C-alpha atoms as a PDB file:
ATOM      1  CA  MET A   1      -0.173   0.076  -0.266  1.00  0.00           C
ATOM      2  CA  ARG A   2       1.321   3.602  -0.944  1.00  0.00           C
ATOM      3  CA  GLU A   3       1.768   5.978   1.824  1.00  0.00           C
ATOM      4  CA  ASP A   4      -1.133   8.142   0.264  1.00  0.00           C
ATOM      5  CA  ASP A   5      -3.511   5.395   0.468  1.00  0.00           C
ATOM      6  CA  ARG A   6      -3.403   4.680   4.115  1.00  0.00           C
ATOM      7  CA  ASP A   7      -5.640   5.976   6.543  1.00  0.00           C
ATOM      8  CA  PRO A   8      -4.568   9.320   7.989  1.00  0.00           C
ATOM      9  CA  ASN A   9      -6.129   8.567  11.321  1.00  0.00           C
ATOM     10  CA  ALA A  10      -4.753   5.130  11.636  1.00  0.00           C
ATOM     11  CA  THR A  11      -2.181   4.247  14.580  1.00  0.00           C
ATOM     12  CA  PRO A  12       0.911   4.011  12.521  1.00  0.00           C
ATOM     13  CA  ALA A  13       3.415   1.226  13.239  1.00  0.00           C
ATOM     14  CA  GLY A  14       5.130   1.142  16.441  1.00  0.00           C
ATOM     15  CA  TRP A  15       2.857   4.002  17.762  1.00  0.00           C
ATOM     16  CA  GLU A  16       0.749   3.565  20.951  1.00  0.00           C
ATOM     17  CA  VAL A  17      -3.009   4.231  20.145  1.00  0.00           C
ATOM     18  CA  GLY A  18      -3.668   7.778  21.895  1.00  0.00           C
ATOM     19  CA  GLU A  19      -0.097   9.094  21.454  1.00  0.00           C
ATOM     20  CA  ARG A  20       0.190  12.407  19.375  1.00  0.00           C
ATOM     21  CA  ARG A  21       0.825  11.612  15.872  1.00  0.00           C
ATOM     22  CA  GLU A  22       3.374  14.654  14.647  1.00  0.00           C
ATOM     23  CA  VAL A  23       6.093  14.697  12.413  1.00  0.00           C
ATOM     24  CA  VAL A  24       8.325  17.724  11.995  1.00  0.00           C
ATOM     25  CA  GLY A  25      11.539  17.503   9.443  1.00  0.00           C
ATOM     26  CA  GLY A  26      11.087  13.554   9.946  1.00  0.00           C
ATOM     27  CA  GLU A  27      11.161  13.598  13.383  1.00  0.00           C
ATOM     28  CA  ARG A  28       8.109  12.073  15.355  1.00  0.00           C
ATOM     29  CA  LEU A  29       6.888  14.225  18.189  1.00  0.00           C
ATOM     30  CA  VAL A  30       5.260  12.311  20.907  1.00  0.00           C
ATOM     31  CA  GLY A  31       3.263  13.322  23.676  1.00  0.00           C
ATOM     32  CA  ARG A  32       0.456  12.524  26.166  1.00  0.00           C
ATOM     33  CA  PRO A  33      -3.343  13.589  25.405  1.00  0.00           C
ATOM     34  CA  PRO A  34      -3.819  17.209  26.434  1.00  0.00           C
ATOM     35  CA  SER A  35      -4.793  17.899  30.341  1.00  0.00           C
ATOM     36  CA  LEU A  36      -8.069  19.334  31.294  1.00  0.00           C
ATOM     37  CA  ALA A  37      -6.744  22.800  31.662  1.00  0.00           C
ATOM     38  CA  HIS A  38      -5.539  22.531  28.056  1.00  0.00           C
ATOM     39  CA  GLN A  39      -8.916  21.748  26.988  1.00  0.00           C
ATOM     40  CA  ARG A  40     -10.544  24.173  28.736  1.00  0.00           C
ATOM     41  CA  VAL A  41      -8.642  26.835  27.511  1.00  0.00           C
ATOM     42  CA  THR A  42      -8.956  25.581  24.073  1.00  0.00           C
ATOM     43  CA  ILE A  43     -12.504  25.300  24.135  1.00  0.00           C
ATOM     44  CA  GLU A  44     -12.924  29.151  25.359  1.00  0.00           C
ATOM     45  CA  LEU A  45     -10.770  29.950  22.461  1.00  0.00           C
ATOM     46  CA  THR A  46     -12.368  28.082  19.999  1.00  0.00           C
ATOM     47  CA  CYS A  47     -15.757  29.360  21.169  1.00  0.00           C
ATOM     48  CA  GLN A  48     -14.719  33.255  20.958  1.00  0.00           C
ATOM     49  CA  LEU A  49     -12.590  32.597  17.505  1.00  0.00           C
ATOM     50  CA  ASP A  50     -15.165  30.800  15.769  1.00  0.00           C
ATOM     51  CA  HIS A  51     -17.720  33.047  16.497  1.00  0.00           C
ATOM     52  CA  HIS A  52     -15.901  36.159  15.612  1.00  0.00           C
ATOM     53  CA  LEU A  53     -15.058  34.316  12.216  1.00  0.00           C
ATOM     54  CA  ARG A  54     -18.661  33.195  11.563  1.00  0.00           C
ATOM     55  CA  ALA A  55     -20.071  36.857  12.512  1.00  0.00           C
ATOM     56  CA  LEU A  56     -17.494  38.374   9.885  1.00  0.00           C
ATOM     57  CA  ARG A  57     -17.305  35.779   7.446  1.00  0.00           C
ATOM     58  CA  LEU A  58     -13.711  36.055   7.556  1.00  0.00           C
ATOM     59  CA  GLY A  59     -13.058  32.361   7.300  1.00  0.00           C
ATOM     60  CA  ARG A  60     -13.015  28.725   8.987  1.00  0.00           C
ATOM     61  CA  LEU A  61     -11.800  27.354  12.240  1.00  0.00           C
ATOM     62  CA  PHE A  62     -10.219  23.884  12.881  1.00  0.00           C
ATOM     63  CA  ALA A  63      -9.436  22.220  15.781  1.00  0.00           C
ATOM     64  CA  ALA A  64      -7.031  19.419  16.324  1.00  0.00           C
ATOM     65  CA  THR A  65      -7.073  18.591  12.209  1.00  0.00           C
ATOM     66  CA  ARG A  66      -4.143  17.243  10.662  1.00  0.00           C
ATOM     67  CA  LEU A  67      -2.128  19.935   8.881  1.00  0.00           C
ATOM     68  CA  GLU A  68       0.454  19.338   5.954  1.00  0.00           C
ATOM     69  CA  LEU A  69       2.946  21.981   5.236  1.00  0.00           C
ATOM     70  CA  GLU A  70       6.080  20.669   3.865  1.00  0.00           C
ATOM     71  CA  ALA A  71       7.350  17.072   3.184  1.00  0.00           C
ATOM     72  CA  GLY A  72       8.383  15.024   6.295  1.00  0.00           C
ATOM     73  CA  SER A  73       6.054  17.460   8.674  1.00  0.00           C
ATOM     74  CA  ILE A  74       2.613  16.506   9.692  1.00  0.00           C
ATOM     75  CA  VAL A  75       1.297  18.364  12.794  1.00  0.00           C
ATOM     76  CA  GLN A  76      -2.007  18.851  14.424  1.00  0.00           C
ATOM     77  CA  PRO A  77      -2.446  22.096  15.974  1.00  0.00           C
ATOM     78  CA  ASP A  78      -4.782  22.711  18.833  1.00  0.00           C
ATOM     79  CA  LEU A  79      -6.485  25.743  16.673  1.00  0.00           C
ATOM     80  CA  MET A  80      -5.950  27.219  12.957  1.00  0.00           C
ATOM     81  CA  ALA A  81      -8.155  29.534  10.963  1.00  0.00           C
ATOM     82  CA  LEU A  82      -8.141  29.686   7.329  1.00  0.00           C
ATOM     83  CA  LEU A  83      -9.211  32.920   5.963  1.00  0.00           C
ATOM     84  CA  GLY A  84     -11.029  33.535   2.766  1.00  0.00           C
ATOM     85  CA  ASP A  85     -11.898  30.594   0.345  1.00  0.00           C
ATOM     86  CA  ASP A  86     -10.206  27.623   1.878  1.00  0.00           C
ATOM     87  CA  SER A  87     -11.101  25.334  -1.062  1.00  0.00           C
ATOM     88  CA  GLY A  88      -7.682  24.546  -2.300  1.00  0.00           C
ATOM     89  CA  ARG A  89      -6.572  23.943   1.198  1.00  0.00           C
ATOM     90  CA  SER A  90      -8.860  22.065   3.101  1.00  0.00           C
ATOM     91  CA  GLY A  91      -9.453  18.197   2.027  1.00  0.00           C
ATOM     92  CA  ARG A  92     -11.214  15.369   3.207  1.00  0.00           C
ATOM     93  CA  ASP A  93      -8.695  14.386   5.910  1.00  0.00           C
ATOM     94  CA  ALA A  94      -6.249  17.513   5.906  1.00  0.00           C
ATOM     95  CA  VAL A  95      -5.303  20.737   5.603  1.00  0.00           C
ATOM     96  CA  VAL A  96      -2.670  21.523   2.975  1.00  0.00           C
ATOM     97  CA  GLY A  97      -0.537  24.365   3.182  1.00  0.00           C
ATOM     98  CA  PRO A  98      -0.277  27.174   5.718  1.00  0.00           C
ATOM     99  CA  PRO A  99      -3.130  28.771   7.702  1.00  0.00           C
ATOM    100  CA  GLU A 100      -3.240  32.142   8.716  1.00  0.00           C
ATOM    101  CA  LEU A 101      -3.720  31.303  12.156  1.00  0.00           C
ATOM    102  CA  VAL A 102      -2.233  28.601  14.206  1.00  0.00           C
ATOM    103  CA  THR A 103      -2.808  28.551  18.018  1.00  0.00           C
ATOM    104  CA  GLU A 104      -0.763  26.174  20.195  1.00  0.00           C
ATOM    105  CA  VAL A 105      -1.879  25.710  23.848  1.00  0.00           C
ATOM    106  CA  LEU A 106       1.302  24.319  26.027  1.00  0.00           C
ATOM    107  CA  SER A 107       1.415  21.368  28.011  1.00  0.00           C
ATOM    108  CA  ALA A 108       4.670  19.848  29.767  1.00  0.00           C
ATOM    109  CA  ASP A 109       5.100  17.479  26.881  1.00  0.00           C
ATOM    110  CA  SER A 110       4.270  19.658  23.814  1.00  0.00           C
ATOM    111  CA  ALA A 111       6.027  23.160  25.178  1.00  0.00           C
ATOM    112  CA  PRO A 112       9.780  22.082  24.056  1.00  0.00           C
ATOM    113  CA  TYR A 113       8.480  21.327  20.531  1.00  0.00           C
ATOM    114  CA  ASP A 114       5.754  23.777  20.246  1.00  0.00           C
ATOM    115  CA  GLN A 115       8.365  26.909  21.228  1.00  0.00           C
ATOM    116  CA  GLY A 116      11.006  25.042  19.113  1.00  0.00           C
ATOM    117  CA  PRO A 117      10.664  23.214  16.102  1.00  0.00           C
ATOM    118  CA  LYS A 118       7.187  23.851  15.217  1.00  0.00           C
ATOM    119  CA  LEU A 119       7.501  27.392  15.878  1.00  0.00           C
ATOM    120  CA  ARG A 120      10.437  27.207  12.999  1.00  0.00           C
ATOM    121  CA  LEU A 121       7.796  25.211  10.911  1.00  0.00           C
ATOM    122  CA  TYR A 122       5.251  27.675  11.243  1.00  0.00           C
ATOM    123  CA  ASP A 123       7.655  30.637  10.396  1.00  0.00           C
ATOM    124  CA  ARG A 124       9.510  28.605   7.421  1.00  0.00           C
ATOM    125  CA  CYS A 125       5.998  27.704   5.607  1.00  0.00           C
ATOM    126  CA  GLY A 126       4.511  31.364   6.107  1.00  0.00           C
ATOM    127  CA  VAL A 127       2.006  31.114   8.930  1.00  0.00           C
ATOM    128  CA  ARG A 128       0.934  34.926   9.359  1.00  0.00           C
ATOM    129  CA  GLU A 129       0.186  34.719  13.167  1.00  0.00           C
ATOM    130  CA  TYR A 130       1.243  32.251  15.782  1.00  0.00           C
ATOM    131  CA  TRP A 131      -0.496  32.031  19.484  1.00  0.00           C
ATOM    132  CA  LEU A 132       1.228  30.283  22.158  1.00  0.00           C
ATOM    133  CA  VAL A 133      -1.050  29.586  25.184  1.00  0.00           C
ATOM    134  CA  ASP A 134       0.273  28.950  28.367  1.00  0.00           C
ATOM    135  CA  PRO A 135      -2.806  27.887  30.793  1.00  0.00           C
ATOM    136  CA  LEU A 136       0.121  27.406  33.901  1.00  0.00           C
ATOM    137  CA  ARG A 137       1.337  30.969  33.642  1.00  0.00           C
ATOM    138  CA  TYR A 138      -1.897  32.583  32.420  1.00  0.00           C
ATOM    139  CA  GLU A 139      -0.287  34.043  29.285  1.00  0.00           C
ATOM    140  CA  ILE A 140      -0.494  34.428  25.640  1.00  0.00           C
ATOM    141  CA  ASP A 141       2.352  35.061  23.387  1.00  0.00           C
ATOM    142  CA  VAL A 142       1.246  36.318  19.895  1.00  0.00           C
ATOM    143  CA  TRP A 143       3.911  35.635  17.331  1.00  0.00           C
ATOM    144  CA  VAL A 144       3.136  38.038  14.151  1.00  0.00           C
ATOM    145  CA  ARG A 145       4.864  38.214  10.854  1.00  0.00           C
ATOM    146  CA  LEU A 146       6.997  40.774   9.822  1.00  0.00           C
ATOM    147  CA  ARG A 147       9.431  40.786   6.850  1.00  0.00           C
ATOM    148  CA  GLY A 148      11.761  38.584   8.386  1.00  0.00           C
ATOM    149  CA  GLY A 149       9.498  36.267   9.591  1.00  0.00           C
ATOM    150  CA  LEU A 150       7.641  35.492  12.910  1.00  0.00           C
ATOM    151  CA  ALA A 151       8.497  37.596  15.625  1.00  0.00           C
ATOM    152  CA  LEU A 152       7.007  38.012  19.190  1.00  0.00           C
ATOM    153  CA  GLY A 153       4.503  40.993  18.779  1.00  0.00           C
ATOM    154  CA  SER A 154       3.167  40.744  22.368  1.00  0.00           C
ATOM    155  CA  ARG A 155       2.749  38.771  25.461  1.00  0.00           C
ATOM    156  CA  LEU A 156      -0.386  39.010  26.971  1.00  0.00           C
ATOM    157  CA  ARG A 157      -1.709  38.303  30.633  1.00  0.00           C
ATOM    158  CA  ARG A 158      -4.550  37.156  32.335  1.00  0.00           C
ATOM    159  CA  GLY A 159      -7.158  40.511  32.412  1.00  0.00           C
ATOM    160  CA  GLU A 160      -5.619  41.446  29.134  1.00  0.00           C
ATOM    161  CA  ILE A 161      -7.212  41.973  25.851  1.00  0.00           C
ATOM    162  CA  LEU A 162      -6.084  39.831  22.859  1.00  0.00           C
ATOM    163  CA  ARG A 163      -6.394  41.763  19.405  1.00  0.00           C
ATOM    164  CA  SER A 164      -4.845  40.393  16.519  1.00  0.00           C
ATOM    165  CA  PRO A 165      -3.779  42.488  13.552  1.00  0.00           C
ATOM    166  CA  LEU A 166      -4.932  39.498  11.255  1.00  0.00           C
ATOM    167  CA  LEU A 167      -8.528  39.573  12.559  1.00  0.00           C
ATOM    168  CA  PRO A 168      -9.941  43.103  12.625  1.00  0.00           C
ATOM    169  CA  GLY A 169     -12.675  43.612  15.613  1.00  0.00           C
ATOM    170  CA  LEU A 170     -11.327  40.477  17.264  1.00  0.00           C
ATOM    171  CA  GLU A 171     -11.090  40.803  21.261  1.00  0.00           C
ATOM    172  CA  ILE A 172     -10.768  38.148  23.462  1.00  0.00           C
ATOM    173  CA  SER A 173     -10.735  38.585  27.290  1.00  0.00           C
ATOM    174  CA  LEU A 174      -7.956  36.250  28.708  1.00  0.00           C
ATOM    175  CA  ARG A 175     -10.149  36.739  32.058  1.00  0.00           C
ATOM    176  CA  GLU A 176     -12.464  34.462  30.379  1.00  0.00           C
ATOM    177  CA  VAL A 177     -10.143  32.491  28.372  1.00  0.00           C
ATOM    178  CA  PHE A 178      -8.454  31.457  31.660  1.00  0.00           C
ATOM    179  CA  ALA A 179     -11.759  31.596  33.797  1.00  0.00           C
ATOM    180  CA  GLY A 180     -11.858  28.384  36.228  1.00  0.00           C
ATOM    181  CA  ARG A 181      -7.949  27.993  36.311  1.00  0.00           C
END
Protein backbone atom coordinates (compact mmCIF):
# COMPACT_ATOMS: atom_id res chain seq x y z
CA MET A 1 0.00 0.00 0.00
CA ARG A 2 1.33 3.42 -0.92
CA GLU A 3 1.88 5.98 1.89
CA ASP A 4 -0.87 8.19 0.34
CA ASP A 5 -3.44 5.36 0.46
CA ARG A 6 -3.26 4.70 4.19
CA ASP A 7 -5.89 5.95 6.59
CA PRO A 8 -4.42 9.22 7.97
CA ASN A 9 -6.20 8.60 11.27
CA ALA A 10 -4.89 5.05 11.70
CA THR A 11 -2.27 4.46 14.37
CA PRO A 12 1.11 4.23 12.59
CA ALA A 13 3.13 1.05 13.10
CA GLY A 14 5.10 1.24 16.33
CA TRP A 15 2.95 4.01 17.84
CA GLU A 16 0.72 3.58 20.83
CA VAL A 17 -3.01 4.22 20.53
CA GLY A 18 -3.70 7.70 21.93
CA GLU A 19 -0.23 9.07 21.17
CA ARG A 20 0.00 12.44 19.49
CA ARG A 21 0.76 11.88 15.82
CA GLU A 22 3.02 14.66 14.67
CA VAL A 23 6.19 14.66 12.59
CA VAL A 24 8.37 17.74 12.00
CA GLY A 25 11.29 17.42 9.61
CA GLY A 26 11.05 13.63 9.83
CA GLU A 27 11.23 13.63 13.66
CA ARG A 28 8.28 12.05 15.47
CA LEU A 29 6.90 14.21 18.28
CA VAL A 30 5.33 12.06 20.98
CA GLY A 31 3.31 13.24 23.94
CA ARG A 32 0.45 12.43 26.27
CA PRO A 33 -3.14 13.48 25.63
CA PRO A 34 -3.98 17.09 26.67
CA SER A 35 -4.80 17.93 30.30
CA LEU A 36 -8.18 19.24 31.45
CA ALA A 37 -6.73 22.77 31.80
CA HIS A 38 -5.49 22.52 28.21
CA GLN A 39 -8.96 21.44 27.07
CA ARG A 40 -10.79 24.21 28.94
CA VAL A 41 -8.55 26.91 27.45
CA THR A 42 -8.82 25.40 23.97
CA ILE A 43 -12.61 25.23 24.17
CA GLU A 44 -12.90 28.88 25.28
CA LEU A 45 -10.61 30.06 22.48
CA THR A 46 -12.52 27.90 20.00
CA CYS A 47 -15.85 29.44 21.00
CA GLN A 48 -14.60 33.03 20.80
CA LEU A 49 -12.58 32.63 17.58
CA ASP A 50 -15.27 30.64 15.79
CA HIS A 51 -17.95 33.18 16.73
CA HIS A 52 -15.81 36.04 15.37
CA LEU A 53 -14.88 34.25 12.14
CA ARG A 54 -18.51 33.28 11.45
CA ALA A 55 -20.03 36.65 12.41
CA LEU A 56 -17.73 38.52 10.02
CA ARG A 57 -17.49 35.71 7.46
CA LEU A 58 -13.72 35.86 7.60
CA GLY A 59 -12.98 32.15 7.28
CA ARG A 60 -13.14 28.83 9.10
CA LEU A 61 -11.66 27.46 12.31
CA PHE A 62 -10.31 23.92 12.63
CA ALA A 63 -9.47 22.13 15.89
CA ALA A 64 -6.99 19.27 16.27
CA THR A 65 -6.89 18.72 12.51
CA ARG A 66 -4.04 17.19 10.52
CA LEU A 67 -1.93 19.91 8.88
CA GLU A 68 0.52 19.12 6.08
CA LEU A 69 2.98 21.94 5.49
CA GLU A 70 6.06 20.40 3.86
CA ALA A 71 7.51 16.99 3.08
CA GLY A 72 8.33 15.16 6.31
CA SER A 73 6.15 17.42 8.46
CA ILE A 74 2.63 16.57 9.61
CA VAL A 75 1.33 18.39 12.67
CA GLN A 76 -1.95 18.71 14.50
CA PRO A 77 -2.23 22.19 16.01
CA ASP A 78 -4.83 22.81 18.71
CA LEU A 79 -6.51 25.45 16.51
CA MET A 80 -5.96 26.92 13.07
CA ALA A 81 -7.86 29.45 11.02
CA LEU A 82 -8.08 29.57 7.26
CA LEU A 83 -9.17 32.98 6.07
CA GLY A 84 -11.05 33.67 2.86
CA ASP A 85 -11.79 30.85 0.44
CA ASP A 86 -10.14 27.70 1.78
CA SER A 87 -11.40 25.32 -0.90
CA GLY A 88 -7.91 24.73 -2.25
CA ARG A 89 -6.39 24.04 1.18
CA SER A 90 -8.90 21.98 3.16
CA GLY A 91 -9.47 18.44 2.01
CA ARG A 92 -11.30 15.44 3.38
CA ASP A 93 -8.71 14.50 5.99
CA ALA A 94 -6.26 17.37 6.25
CA VAL A 95 -5.42 21.00 5.66
CA VAL A 96 -2.59 21.37 3.15
CA GLY A 97 -0.50 24.51 3.18
CA PRO A 98 -0.17 27.24 5.76
CA PRO A 99 -3.20 28.50 7.66
CA GLU A 100 -3.17 32.20 8.44
CA LEU A 101 -3.43 31.60 12.21
CA VAL A 102 -2.16 28.71 14.32
CA THR A 103 -2.77 28.35 18.05
CA GLU A 104 -0.96 25.89 20.30
CA VAL A 105 -1.85 25.45 23.97
CA LEU A 106 1.28 24.47 25.85
CA SER A 107 1.61 21.41 28.06
CA ALA A 108 4.65 19.90 29.77
CA ASP A 109 5.10 17.49 26.85
CA SER A 110 4.36 19.87 23.99
CA ALA A 111 6.07 23.11 25.12
CA PRO A 112 9.58 22.24 23.87
CA TYR A 113 8.16 21.34 20.42
CA ASP A 114 5.61 24.16 20.21
CA GLN A 115 8.27 26.77 21.12
CA GLY A 116 11.03 25.23 19.01
CA PRO A 117 10.63 22.96 15.97
CA LYS A 118 6.96 23.80 15.36
CA LEU A 119 7.54 27.56 15.69
CA ARG A 120 10.34 27.28 13.13
CA LEU A 121 8.15 25.12 10.86
CA TYR A 122 5.26 27.61 10.99
CA ASP A 123 7.68 30.45 10.32
CA ARG A 124 9.35 28.69 7.39
CA CYS A 125 5.98 27.75 5.83
CA GLY A 126 4.41 31.22 5.98
CA VAL A 127 1.94 31.13 8.90
CA ARG A 128 1.01 34.78 9.46
CA GLU A 129 0.16 34.65 13.16
CA TYR A 130 1.02 32.09 15.87
CA TRP A 131 -0.45 32.12 19.36
CA LEU A 132 1.34 30.18 22.10
CA VAL A 133 -1.02 29.81 25.05
CA ASP A 134 0.38 28.94 28.49
CA PRO A 135 -2.47 27.81 30.78
CA LEU A 136 -0.17 27.52 33.81
CA ARG A 137 1.24 31.06 33.57
CA TYR A 138 -2.04 32.54 32.25
CA GLU A 139 -0.23 34.04 29.25
CA ILE A 140 -0.54 34.16 25.48
CA ASP A 141 2.43 35.00 23.28
CA VAL A 142 1.27 36.44 19.96
CA TRP A 143 3.81 35.91 17.19
CA VAL A 144 3.22 38.01 14.07
CA ARG A 145 4.80 37.87 10.64
CA LEU A 146 7.16 40.74 9.90
CA ARG A 147 9.53 41.08 6.96
CA GLY A 148 12.06 38.70 8.50
CA GLY A 149 9.49 36.11 9.57
CA LEU A 150 7.56 35.45 12.75
CA ALA A 151 8.47 37.70 15.68
CA LEU A 152 7.03 38.03 19.16
CA GLY A 153 4.51 40.85 18.86
CA SER A 154 3.14 40.77 22.40
CA ARG A 155 2.94 38.74 25.60
CA LEU A 156 -0.50 39.07 27.15
CA ARG A 157 -1.51 38.07 30.68
CA ARG A 158 -4.78 37.22 32.39
CA GLY A 159 -6.90 40.36 32.59
CA GLU A 160 -5.66 41.76 29.28
CA ILE A 161 -7.43 41.75 25.91
CA LEU A 162 -6.04 39.88 22.92
CA ARG A 163 -6.38 41.82 19.67
CA SER A 164 -5.15 40.38 16.43
CA PRO A 165 -3.75 42.40 13.53
CA LEU A 166 -4.95 39.54 11.33
CA LEU A 167 -8.57 39.54 12.54
CA PRO A 168 -10.08 43.04 12.62
CA GLY A 169 -12.38 43.68 15.55
CA LEU A 170 -11.38 40.55 17.47
CA GLU A 171 -11.17 41.12 21.22
CA ILE A 172 -10.65 38.12 23.46
CA SER A 173 -10.65 38.61 27.22
CA LEU A 174 -7.88 36.54 28.75
CA ARG A 175 -9.83 36.65 32.00
CA GLU A 176 -12.48 34.56 30.21
CA VAL A 177 -9.91 32.32 28.49
CA PHE A 178 -8.30 31.45 31.82
CA ALA A 179 -11.52 31.42 33.91
CA GLY A 180 -11.81 28.36 36.09
CA ARG A 181 -8.03 28.02 36.14
